[in-house]
Amino acid sequence: MCVCVRSRRRCVDLTEPLTSTCVSSERQPSADPSCRSEWGGPCRTVPIIKVPPHSQVNGTGSSLAFRCEVFAFPMALVEWRKEGRDVVLPGDDPHISVQSRGGPLKFELSSWLQIEGAGPEDSGTYRCVAHNDMGSVSASAVLGVLGAEELSSFLSDSVSEMERLMDATHYDQDFY
């Protein structure tokens, strides 16, 4: 029986004989048969968006943020874009900022797009784009920025819909 000295996975060429039982025991059954290198660290992968941004509705003048968490090896670069604009945000817009940090886990990156003093012109679809040398992936969310009357009407309609759904749900029934 082999005991591995390193706890890191290896990506190996499955068409050639395995050079050690240690590498053999580390091989995942679902490993990509086209993998051609043996090296320490996780297998190289296209970015995976673990937490996508979520759509939201806010009032004029509010501050808001979209979040996007990505896993990738090698590490991904995360960019934010707004549909209809051919620039990486924040661009030269002083009320938009982008922040990123490593984590929460190894080989992950968390990124935020923050908008201060949102106005109706900020409404639209925002996209988190993650890319590395293996490829790219994106996820989007819609932002609606409403004036006071529109927001009041929207919230009233939303509460009415939630009440209707709750009235239709029978919480006292046994489901087992």
N, C-alpha and C. Protein backbone atom coordinates (compact mmCIF):
# COMPACT_ATOMS: atom_id res chain seq x y z
N MET A 1 0.84 -1.18 0.00
CA MET A 1 0.00 0.00 0.00
C MET A 1 0.88 1.24 0.00
N CYS A 2 0.49 2.22 -0.77
CA CYS A 2 1.27 3.44 -0.90
C CYS A 2 0.73 4.52 0.02
N VAL A 3 1.62 5.27 0.66
CA VAL A 3 1.24 6.44 1.44
C VAL A 3 1.86 7.64 0.75
N CYS A 4 1.03 8.58 0.33
CA CYS A 4 1.52 9.74 -0.40
C CYS A 4 2.20 10.72 0.55
N VAL A 5 3.34 11.23 0.14
CA VAL A 5 4.06 12.21 0.94
C VAL A 5 3.37 13.56 0.84
N ARG A 6 2.87 13.91 -0.36
CA ARG A 6 2.19 15.17 -0.56
C ARG A 6 0.69 14.92 -0.62
N SER A 7 -0.08 15.86 -0.09
CA SER A 7 -1.54 15.69 -0.08
C SER A 7 -2.20 16.32 -1.30
N ARG A 8 -1.40 16.82 -2.23
CA ARG A 8 -1.98 17.47 -3.40
C ARG A 8 -2.32 16.44 -4.48
N ARG A 9 -3.40 16.71 -5.21
CA ARG A 9 -3.78 15.84 -6.31
C ARG A 9 -2.83 16.06 -7.48
N ARG A 10 -2.79 15.09 -8.36
CA ARG A 10 -1.98 15.20 -9.56
C ARG A 10 -2.85 14.96 -10.78
N CYS A 11 -2.49 15.61 -11.85
CA CYS A 11 -3.16 15.40 -13.12
C CYS A 11 -2.19 14.56 -13.94
N VAL A 12 -2.62 13.41 -14.40
CA VAL A 12 -1.70 12.49 -15.07
C VAL A 12 -2.23 12.11 -16.45
N ASP A 13 -1.31 11.65 -17.29
CA ASP A 13 -1.66 11.14 -18.62
C ASP A 13 -2.14 9.71 -18.44
N LEU A 14 -3.42 9.47 -18.64
CA LEU A 14 -3.99 8.15 -18.38
C LEU A 14 -3.75 7.16 -19.51
N THR A 15 -3.13 7.62 -20.60
CA THR A 15 -2.85 6.70 -21.71
C THR A 15 -1.50 6.03 -21.54
N GLU A 16 -0.69 6.48 -20.57
CA GLU A 16 0.61 5.88 -20.32
C GLU A 16 0.58 5.15 -18.98
N PRO A 17 1.47 4.16 -18.80
CA PRO A 17 1.49 3.44 -17.52
C PRO A 17 1.78 4.39 -16.36
N LEU A 18 1.10 4.17 -15.25
CA LEU A 18 1.33 5.01 -14.07
C LEU A 18 2.66 4.63 -13.45
N THR A 19 3.44 5.64 -13.07
CA THR A 19 4.80 5.40 -12.58
C THR A 19 4.84 5.01 -11.11
N SER A 20 3.76 5.25 -10.38
CA SER A 20 3.76 4.84 -8.98
C SER A 20 2.34 4.55 -8.54
N THR A 21 2.22 3.68 -7.55
CA THR A 21 0.89 3.39 -7.03
C THR A 21 0.34 4.60 -6.30
N CYS A 22 1.23 5.48 -5.85
CA CYS A 22 0.77 6.69 -5.17
C CYS A 22 -0.02 7.56 -6.15
N VAL A 23 0.53 7.77 -7.34
CA VAL A 23 -0.17 8.55 -8.36
C VAL A 23 -1.45 7.82 -8.74
N SER A 24 -1.36 6.50 -8.85
CA SER A 24 -2.53 5.70 -9.23
C SER A 24 -3.66 5.87 -8.22
N SER A 25 -3.32 5.85 -6.93
CA SER A 25 -4.36 5.96 -5.91
C SER A 25 -4.94 7.36 -5.82
N GLU A 26 -4.18 8.37 -6.29
CA GLU A 26 -4.69 9.73 -6.25
C GLU A 26 -5.61 10.03 -7.43
N ARG A 27 -5.57 9.20 -8.47
CA ARG A 27 -6.33 9.48 -9.68
C ARG A 27 -7.81 9.39 -9.40
N GLN A 28 -8.54 10.38 -9.84
CA GLN A 28 -9.99 10.40 -9.69
C GLN A 28 -10.60 9.53 -10.79
N PRO A 29 -11.65 8.75 -10.51
CA PRO A 29 -12.26 7.93 -11.55
C PRO A 29 -12.80 8.75 -12.71
N SER A 30 -13.20 9.99 -12.46
CA SER A 30 -13.77 10.81 -13.52
C SER A 30 -12.73 11.74 -14.15
N ALA A 31 -11.44 11.45 -13.94
CA ALA A 31 -10.39 12.32 -14.46
C ALA A 31 -10.48 12.43 -15.98
N ASP A 32 -10.12 13.58 -16.48
CA ASP A 32 -10.16 13.83 -17.92
C ASP A 32 -9.08 12.99 -18.61
N PRO A 33 -9.45 12.11 -19.55
CA PRO A 33 -8.46 11.26 -20.20
C PRO A 33 -7.50 12.04 -21.09
N SER A 34 -7.79 13.29 -21.40
CA SER A 34 -6.89 14.07 -22.25
C SER A 34 -5.81 14.79 -21.44
N CYS A 35 -5.84 14.63 -20.13
CA CYS A 35 -4.88 15.31 -19.27
C CYS A 35 -3.47 14.81 -19.58
N ARG A 36 -2.49 15.73 -19.75
CA ARG A 36 -1.17 15.34 -20.23
C ARG A 36 -0.02 15.64 -19.28
N SER A 37 -0.26 16.20 -18.13
CA SER A 37 0.87 16.55 -17.27
C SER A 37 0.72 15.96 -15.88
N GLU A 38 1.84 15.77 -15.22
CA GLU A 38 1.84 15.30 -13.84
C GLU A 38 2.52 16.39 -13.02
N TRP A 39 1.79 17.00 -12.10
CA TRP A 39 2.32 18.11 -11.33
C TRP A 39 1.50 18.29 -10.07
N GLY A 40 2.07 18.96 -9.09
CA GLY A 40 1.37 19.18 -7.83
C GLY A 40 0.32 20.26 -7.96
N GLY A 41 -0.68 20.21 -7.10
CA GLY A 41 -1.76 21.19 -7.12
C GLY A 41 -3.00 20.60 -7.74
N PRO A 42 -4.09 21.34 -7.69
CA PRO A 42 -5.32 20.83 -8.29
C PRO A 42 -5.18 20.80 -9.81
N CYS A 43 -6.01 20.01 -10.45
CA CYS A 43 -5.99 19.98 -11.91
C CYS A 43 -6.47 21.32 -12.44
N ARG A 44 -5.85 21.74 -13.53
CA ARG A 44 -6.20 23.02 -14.15
C ARG A 44 -7.65 22.96 -14.61
N THR A 45 -8.36 24.07 -14.42
CA THR A 45 -9.77 24.09 -14.76
C THR A 45 -10.23 25.46 -15.22
N VAL A 46 -11.24 25.45 -16.06
CA VAL A 46 -11.95 26.68 -16.42
C VAL A 46 -12.58 27.21 -15.13
N PRO A 47 -12.68 28.51 -14.96
CA PRO A 47 -13.31 29.05 -13.75
C PRO A 47 -14.72 28.51 -13.54
N ILE A 48 -15.08 28.36 -12.28
CA ILE A 48 -16.42 27.93 -11.88
C ILE A 48 -16.99 29.02 -10.99
N ILE A 49 -18.14 29.56 -11.35
CA ILE A 49 -18.78 30.58 -10.51
C ILE A 49 -19.57 29.86 -9.43
N LYS A 50 -19.09 29.95 -8.19
CA LYS A 50 -19.74 29.27 -7.07
C LYS A 50 -20.88 30.08 -6.49
N VAL A 51 -20.75 31.40 -6.47
CA VAL A 51 -21.81 32.29 -5.99
C VAL A 51 -22.00 33.37 -7.05
N PRO A 52 -23.08 33.28 -7.84
CA PRO A 52 -23.31 34.28 -8.88
C PRO A 52 -23.94 35.55 -8.29
N PRO A 53 -23.87 36.65 -9.02
CA PRO A 53 -24.57 37.86 -8.56
C PRO A 53 -26.08 37.63 -8.62
N HIS A 54 -26.82 38.32 -7.76
CA HIS A 54 -28.28 38.18 -7.70
C HIS A 54 -28.95 39.48 -8.13
N SER A 55 -30.04 39.35 -8.88
CA SER A 55 -30.80 40.51 -9.33
C SER A 55 -31.40 41.23 -8.13
N GLN A 56 -31.58 42.55 -8.27
CA GLN A 56 -32.12 43.33 -7.17
C GLN A 56 -32.80 44.60 -7.68
N VAL A 57 -33.70 45.11 -6.83
CA VAL A 57 -34.39 46.37 -7.10
C VAL A 57 -34.09 47.30 -5.93
N ASN A 58 -33.69 48.52 -6.24
CA ASN A 58 -33.35 49.51 -5.22
C ASN A 58 -33.93 50.86 -5.60
N GLY A 59 -33.98 51.75 -4.62
CA GLY A 59 -34.49 53.09 -4.85
C GLY A 59 -33.40 54.04 -5.31
N THR A 60 -33.80 55.09 -5.97
CA THR A 60 -32.87 56.13 -6.42
C THR A 60 -32.09 56.66 -5.22
N GLY A 61 -30.79 56.81 -5.40
CA GLY A 61 -29.92 57.33 -4.34
C GLY A 61 -29.36 56.26 -3.41
N SER A 62 -29.79 55.02 -3.56
CA SER A 62 -29.33 53.96 -2.66
C SER A 62 -27.93 53.47 -3.05
N SER A 63 -27.31 52.78 -2.11
CA SER A 63 -26.03 52.12 -2.36
C SER A 63 -26.30 50.63 -2.42
N LEU A 64 -25.60 49.94 -3.30
CA LEU A 64 -25.85 48.51 -3.48
C LEU A 64 -24.58 47.82 -3.93
N ALA A 65 -24.59 46.50 -3.85
CA ALA A 65 -23.43 45.72 -4.28
C ALA A 65 -23.87 44.40 -4.89
N PHE A 66 -23.14 43.97 -5.90
CA PHE A 66 -23.27 42.63 -6.47
C PHE A 66 -22.03 41.86 -6.04
N ARG A 67 -22.19 40.57 -5.76
CA ARG A 67 -21.07 39.72 -5.34
C ARG A 67 -20.93 38.56 -6.31
N CYS A 68 -19.71 38.11 -6.52
CA CYS A 68 -19.44 36.97 -7.39
C CYS A 68 -18.25 36.21 -6.80
N GLU A 69 -18.42 34.90 -6.50
CA GLU A 69 -17.33 34.08 -5.98
C GLU A 69 -16.96 33.03 -7.02
N VAL A 70 -15.66 32.91 -7.27
CA VAL A 70 -15.16 32.07 -8.36
C VAL A 70 -14.08 31.14 -7.85
N PHE A 71 -14.10 29.88 -8.33
CA PHE A 71 -13.02 28.92 -8.10
C PHE A 71 -12.33 28.67 -9.43
N ALA A 72 -11.00 28.63 -9.43
CA ALA A 72 -10.26 28.29 -10.64
C ALA A 72 -8.81 28.01 -10.30
N PHE A 73 -8.20 27.14 -11.10
CA PHE A 73 -6.75 26.95 -11.04
C PHE A 73 -6.26 26.79 -12.46
N PRO A 74 -5.39 27.68 -12.94
CA PRO A 74 -4.83 28.79 -12.19
C PRO A 74 -5.90 29.82 -11.83
N MET A 75 -5.55 30.67 -10.87
CA MET A 75 -6.51 31.67 -10.38
C MET A 75 -7.11 32.46 -11.54
N ALA A 76 -8.36 32.83 -11.35
CA ALA A 76 -9.08 33.58 -12.38
C ALA A 76 -8.95 35.08 -12.14
N LEU A 77 -9.08 35.82 -13.21
CA LEU A 77 -9.23 37.26 -13.15
C LEU A 77 -10.72 37.52 -13.31
N VAL A 78 -11.30 38.35 -12.44
CA VAL A 78 -12.73 38.65 -12.51
C VAL A 78 -12.92 40.09 -12.96
N GLU A 79 -13.77 40.25 -13.97
CA GLU A 79 -14.12 41.58 -14.47
C GLU A 79 -15.63 41.76 -14.36
N TRP A 80 -16.05 43.00 -14.25
CA TRP A 80 -17.48 43.34 -14.24
C TRP A 80 -17.78 44.18 -15.47
N ARG A 81 -18.90 43.89 -16.10
CA ARG A 81 -19.34 44.64 -17.28
C ARG A 81 -20.83 44.93 -17.18
N LYS A 82 -21.24 46.03 -17.82
CA LYS A 82 -22.66 46.35 -17.91
C LYS A 82 -23.08 46.17 -19.36
N GLU A 83 -24.22 45.49 -19.55
CA GLU A 83 -24.72 45.25 -20.90
C GLU A 83 -24.90 46.58 -21.63
N GLY A 84 -24.43 46.63 -22.86
CA GLY A 84 -24.56 47.84 -23.66
C GLY A 84 -23.37 48.78 -23.56
N ARG A 85 -22.44 48.49 -22.66
CA ARG A 85 -21.22 49.31 -22.53
C ARG A 85 -20.02 48.42 -22.80
N ASP A 86 -19.11 48.89 -23.62
CA ASP A 86 -17.94 48.09 -23.98
C ASP A 86 -16.72 48.46 -23.13
N VAL A 87 -16.93 48.57 -21.82
CA VAL A 87 -15.82 48.88 -20.91
C VAL A 87 -15.88 47.94 -19.71
N VAL A 88 -14.70 47.68 -19.16
CA VAL A 88 -14.61 46.93 -17.92
C VAL A 88 -14.89 47.93 -16.80
N LEU A 89 -15.81 47.59 -15.91
CA LEU A 89 -16.16 48.49 -14.81
C LEU A 89 -15.08 48.48 -13.74
N PRO A 90 -14.81 49.57 -13.08
CA PRO A 90 -15.62 50.76 -12.99
C PRO A 90 -15.41 51.76 -14.12
N GLY A 91 -14.42 51.57 -14.99
CA GLY A 91 -14.17 52.58 -16.02
C GLY A 91 -13.84 53.90 -15.36
N ASP A 92 -14.38 54.98 -15.88
CA ASP A 92 -14.11 56.30 -15.29
C ASP A 92 -15.29 56.82 -14.48
N ASP A 93 -16.16 55.91 -14.05
CA ASP A 93 -17.36 56.29 -13.31
C ASP A 93 -17.04 56.38 -11.82
N PRO A 94 -17.10 57.59 -11.22
CA PRO A 94 -16.70 57.75 -9.83
C PRO A 94 -17.67 57.14 -8.81
N HIS A 95 -18.90 56.80 -9.19
CA HIS A 95 -19.82 56.22 -8.20
C HIS A 95 -19.88 54.69 -8.28
N ILE A 96 -19.00 54.10 -9.10
CA ILE A 96 -18.91 52.63 -9.19
C ILE A 96 -17.50 52.21 -8.78
N SER A 97 -17.42 51.18 -7.94
CA SER A 97 -16.11 50.64 -7.57
C SER A 97 -16.17 49.12 -7.62
N VAL A 98 -15.01 48.51 -7.83
CA VAL A 98 -14.87 47.06 -7.87
C VAL A 98 -13.79 46.67 -6.89
N GLN A 99 -14.08 45.67 -6.07
CA GLN A 99 -13.10 45.16 -5.11
C GLN A 99 -13.03 43.65 -5.24
N SER A 100 -11.85 43.10 -5.02
CA SER A 100 -11.67 41.65 -5.06
C SER A 100 -10.71 41.25 -3.95
N ARG A 101 -10.88 40.03 -3.48
CA ARG A 101 -9.95 39.47 -2.49
C ARG A 101 -9.90 37.97 -2.69
N GLY A 102 -8.85 37.35 -2.22
CA GLY A 102 -8.74 35.90 -2.27
C GLY A 102 -9.69 35.27 -1.27
N GLY A 103 -10.20 34.09 -1.61
CA GLY A 103 -11.04 33.35 -0.69
C GLY A 103 -12.50 33.40 -1.05
N PRO A 104 -13.34 32.77 -0.26
CA PRO A 104 -13.07 32.35 1.11
C PRO A 104 -12.21 31.09 1.22
N LEU A 105 -12.14 30.25 0.18
CA LEU A 105 -11.33 29.04 0.24
C LEU A 105 -10.13 29.17 -0.70
N LYS A 106 -9.22 28.22 -0.60
CA LYS A 106 -8.05 28.20 -1.46
C LYS A 106 -8.47 28.12 -2.93
N PHE A 107 -7.80 28.85 -3.78
CA PHE A 107 -8.06 28.92 -5.23
C PHE A 107 -9.41 29.56 -5.54
N GLU A 108 -9.94 30.36 -4.61
CA GLU A 108 -11.18 31.09 -4.85
C GLU A 108 -10.90 32.59 -4.81
N LEU A 109 -11.76 33.32 -5.49
CA LEU A 109 -11.68 34.77 -5.52
C LEU A 109 -13.08 35.32 -5.33
N SER A 110 -13.22 36.29 -4.44
CA SER A 110 -14.50 36.97 -4.24
C SER A 110 -14.37 38.38 -4.80
N SER A 111 -15.37 38.80 -5.56
CA SER A 111 -15.34 40.12 -6.16
C SER A 111 -16.69 40.81 -5.95
N TRP A 112 -16.64 42.13 -5.75
CA TRP A 112 -17.85 42.92 -5.54
C TRP A 112 -17.84 44.09 -6.50
N LEU A 113 -19.01 44.38 -7.03
CA LEU A 113 -19.25 45.61 -7.78
C LEU A 113 -20.15 46.46 -6.90
N GLN A 114 -19.69 47.65 -6.54
CA GLN A 114 -20.46 48.51 -5.64
C GLN A 114 -20.86 49.78 -6.38
N ILE A 115 -22.14 50.16 -6.21
CA ILE A 115 -22.65 51.39 -6.81
C ILE A 115 -23.16 52.28 -5.68
N GLU A 116 -22.61 53.48 -5.59
CA GLU A 116 -23.01 54.47 -4.58
C GLU A 116 -23.93 55.49 -5.23
N GLY A 117 -25.03 55.83 -4.57
CA GLY A 117 -25.94 56.84 -5.11
C GLY A 117 -26.53 56.43 -6.45
N ALA A 118 -27.11 55.24 -6.50
CA ALA A 118 -27.63 54.70 -7.76
C ALA A 118 -28.74 55.57 -8.34
N GLY A 119 -28.75 55.66 -9.65
CA GLY A 119 -29.80 56.39 -10.36
C GLY A 119 -30.42 55.50 -11.42
N PRO A 120 -31.51 55.95 -12.02
CA PRO A 120 -32.18 55.15 -13.05
C PRO A 120 -31.25 54.72 -14.19
N GLU A 121 -30.25 55.54 -14.49
CA GLU A 121 -29.30 55.20 -15.56
C GLU A 121 -28.43 54.00 -15.21
N ASP A 122 -28.39 53.62 -13.92
CA ASP A 122 -27.63 52.44 -13.50
C ASP A 122 -28.42 51.15 -13.70
N SER A 123 -29.71 51.26 -13.96
CA SER A 123 -30.53 50.06 -14.22
C SER A 123 -29.97 49.32 -15.42
N GLY A 124 -30.04 48.01 -15.37
CA GLY A 124 -29.56 47.20 -16.50
C GLY A 124 -29.03 45.87 -16.03
N THR A 125 -28.39 45.16 -16.94
CA THR A 125 -27.84 43.83 -16.66
C THR A 125 -26.34 43.95 -16.44
N TYR A 126 -25.88 43.45 -15.31
CA TYR A 126 -24.46 43.45 -14.96
C TYR A 126 -23.94 42.02 -15.04
N ARG A 127 -22.71 41.88 -15.52
CA ARG A 127 -22.14 40.56 -15.74
C ARG A 127 -20.79 40.44 -15.04
N CYS A 128 -20.65 39.36 -14.28
CA CYS A 128 -19.38 38.98 -13.67
C CYS A 128 -18.71 38.02 -14.66
N VAL A 129 -17.52 38.36 -15.14
CA VAL A 129 -16.81 37.54 -16.12
C VAL A 129 -15.51 37.06 -15.47
N ALA A 130 -15.35 35.75 -15.38
CA ALA A 130 -14.14 35.16 -14.79
C ALA A 130 -13.38 34.43 -15.89
N HIS A 131 -12.06 34.70 -15.99
CA HIS A 131 -11.29 34.00 -17.01
C HIS A 131 -9.87 33.73 -16.54
N ASN A 132 -9.34 32.62 -17.05
CA ASN A 132 -7.93 32.27 -16.89
C ASN A 132 -7.48 31.67 -18.22
N ASP A 133 -6.29 31.10 -18.26
CA ASP A 133 -5.80 30.57 -19.54
C ASP A 133 -6.51 29.29 -19.98
N MET A 134 -7.41 28.76 -19.15
CA MET A 134 -8.18 27.57 -19.51
C MET A 134 -9.52 27.93 -20.16
N GLY A 135 -9.97 29.17 -19.98
CA GLY A 135 -11.25 29.58 -20.55
C GLY A 135 -11.92 30.66 -19.72
N SER A 136 -13.18 30.91 -20.04
CA SER A 136 -13.92 31.93 -19.29
C SER A 136 -15.36 31.50 -19.08
N VAL A 137 -15.98 32.14 -18.09
CA VAL A 137 -17.37 31.86 -17.74
C VAL A 137 -17.95 33.16 -17.20
N SER A 138 -19.26 33.31 -17.30
CA SER A 138 -19.87 34.54 -16.77
C SER A 138 -21.23 34.24 -16.18
N ALA A 139 -21.68 35.16 -15.34
CA ALA A 139 -23.02 35.10 -14.75
C ALA A 139 -23.52 36.53 -14.66
N SER A 140 -24.82 36.70 -14.82
CA SER A 140 -25.35 38.06 -14.84
C SER A 140 -26.50 38.23 -13.86
N ALA A 141 -26.78 39.49 -13.55
CA ALA A 141 -27.88 39.86 -12.67
C ALA A 141 -28.44 41.19 -13.17
N VAL A 142 -29.72 41.38 -12.91
CA VAL A 142 -30.40 42.60 -13.36
C VAL A 142 -30.57 43.55 -12.18
N LEU A 143 -30.31 44.82 -12.42
CA LEU A 143 -30.52 45.86 -11.43
C LEU A 143 -31.63 46.78 -11.91
N GLY A 144 -32.60 46.99 -11.04
CA GLY A 144 -33.64 47.98 -11.30
C GLY A 144 -33.52 49.08 -10.28
N VAL A 145 -33.38 50.32 -10.73
CA VAL A 145 -33.33 51.47 -9.83
C VAL A 145 -34.59 52.28 -10.10
N LEU A 146 -35.45 52.38 -9.07
CA LEU A 146 -36.76 53.00 -9.22
C LEU A 146 -36.88 54.27 -8.39
N GLY A 147 -37.69 55.21 -8.88
CA GLY A 147 -38.02 56.40 -8.11
C GLY A 147 -38.91 56.03 -6.94
N ALA A 148 -39.18 56.97 -6.04
CA ALA A 148 -39.92 56.69 -4.81
C ALA A 148 -41.30 56.09 -5.08
N GLU A 149 -42.08 56.67 -6.00
CA GLU A 149 -43.43 56.16 -6.28
C GLU A 149 -43.37 54.77 -6.91
N GLU A 150 -42.46 54.59 -7.87
CA GLU A 150 -42.32 53.28 -8.52
C GLU A 150 -41.90 52.22 -7.51
N LEU A 151 -40.97 52.57 -6.63
CA LEU A 151 -40.49 51.62 -5.63
C LEU A 151 -41.60 51.25 -4.67
N SER A 152 -42.39 52.22 -4.23
CA SER A 152 -43.51 51.96 -3.33
C SER A 152 -44.51 51.00 -3.98
N SER A 153 -44.83 51.24 -5.23
CA SER A 153 -45.76 50.38 -5.97
C SER A 153 -45.18 48.97 -6.13
N PHE A 154 -43.89 48.89 -6.47
CA PHE A 154 -43.22 47.59 -6.63
C PHE A 154 -43.25 46.80 -5.33
N LEU A 155 -42.92 47.45 -4.22
CA LEU A 155 -42.90 46.77 -2.92
C LEU A 155 -44.30 46.33 -2.52
N SER A 156 -45.30 47.16 -2.76
CA SER A 156 -46.69 46.80 -2.45
C SER A 156 -47.12 45.57 -3.24
N ASP A 157 -46.80 45.55 -4.54
CA ASP A 157 -47.14 44.39 -5.38
C ASP A 157 -46.40 43.14 -4.90
N SER A 158 -45.14 43.30 -4.50
CA SER A 158 -44.35 42.15 -4.04
C SER A 158 -44.90 41.58 -2.74
N VAL A 159 -45.29 42.45 -1.80
CA VAL A 159 -45.87 42.00 -0.54
C VAL A 159 -47.19 41.29 -0.79
N SER A 160 -48.02 41.83 -1.68
CA SER A 160 -49.30 41.18 -2.02
C SER A 160 -49.07 39.80 -2.59
N GLU A 161 -48.09 39.67 -3.46
CA GLU A 161 -47.78 38.36 -4.06
C GLU A 161 -47.28 37.38 -3.00
N MET A 162 -46.44 37.84 -2.08
CA MET A 162 -45.95 36.97 -1.01
C MET A 162 -47.10 36.53 -0.11
N GLU A 163 -48.02 37.43 0.21
CA GLU A 163 -49.18 37.07 1.04
C GLU A 163 -50.04 36.04 0.33
N ARG A 164 -50.24 36.21 -0.98
CA ARG A 164 -51.02 35.25 -1.76
C ARG A 164 -50.37 33.87 -1.73
N LEU A 165 -49.06 33.83 -1.88
CA LEU A 165 -48.35 32.55 -1.86
C LEU A 165 -48.41 31.90 -0.48
N MET A 166 -48.30 32.71 0.57
CA MET A 166 -48.36 32.16 1.92
C MET A 166 -49.76 31.64 2.24
N ASP A 167 -50.80 32.33 1.78
CA ASP A 167 -52.17 31.86 1.99
C ASP A 167 -52.43 30.54 1.28
N ALA A 168 -51.75 30.32 0.17
CA ALA A 168 -51.95 29.10 -0.61
C ALA A 168 -51.15 27.92 -0.05
N THR A 169 -50.25 28.19 0.89
CA THR A 169 -49.42 27.14 1.47
C THR A 169 -50.03 26.68 2.79
N HIS A 170 -50.18 25.38 2.93
CA HIS A 170 -50.77 24.81 4.15
C HIS A 170 -49.66 24.26 5.03
N TYR A 171 -49.21 25.08 5.97
CA TYR A 171 -48.09 24.68 6.82
C TYR A 171 -48.48 23.64 7.86
N ASP A 172 -49.77 23.47 8.13
CA ASP A 172 -50.16 22.52 9.16
C ASP A 172 -50.39 21.12 8.61
N GLN A 173 -50.16 20.90 7.33
CA GLN A 173 -50.33 19.56 6.77
C GLN A 173 -49.06 18.74 6.99
N ASP A 174 -49.27 17.44 7.14
CA ASP A 174 -48.14 16.52 7.24
C ASP A 174 -47.71 16.13 5.84
N PHE A 175 -46.41 16.20 5.57
CA PHE A 175 -45.89 15.87 4.25
C PHE A 175 -45.05 14.60 4.27
N TYR A 176 -45.19 13.79 5.30
CA TYR A 176 -44.43 12.54 5.36
C TYR A 176 -45.32 11.39 5.67
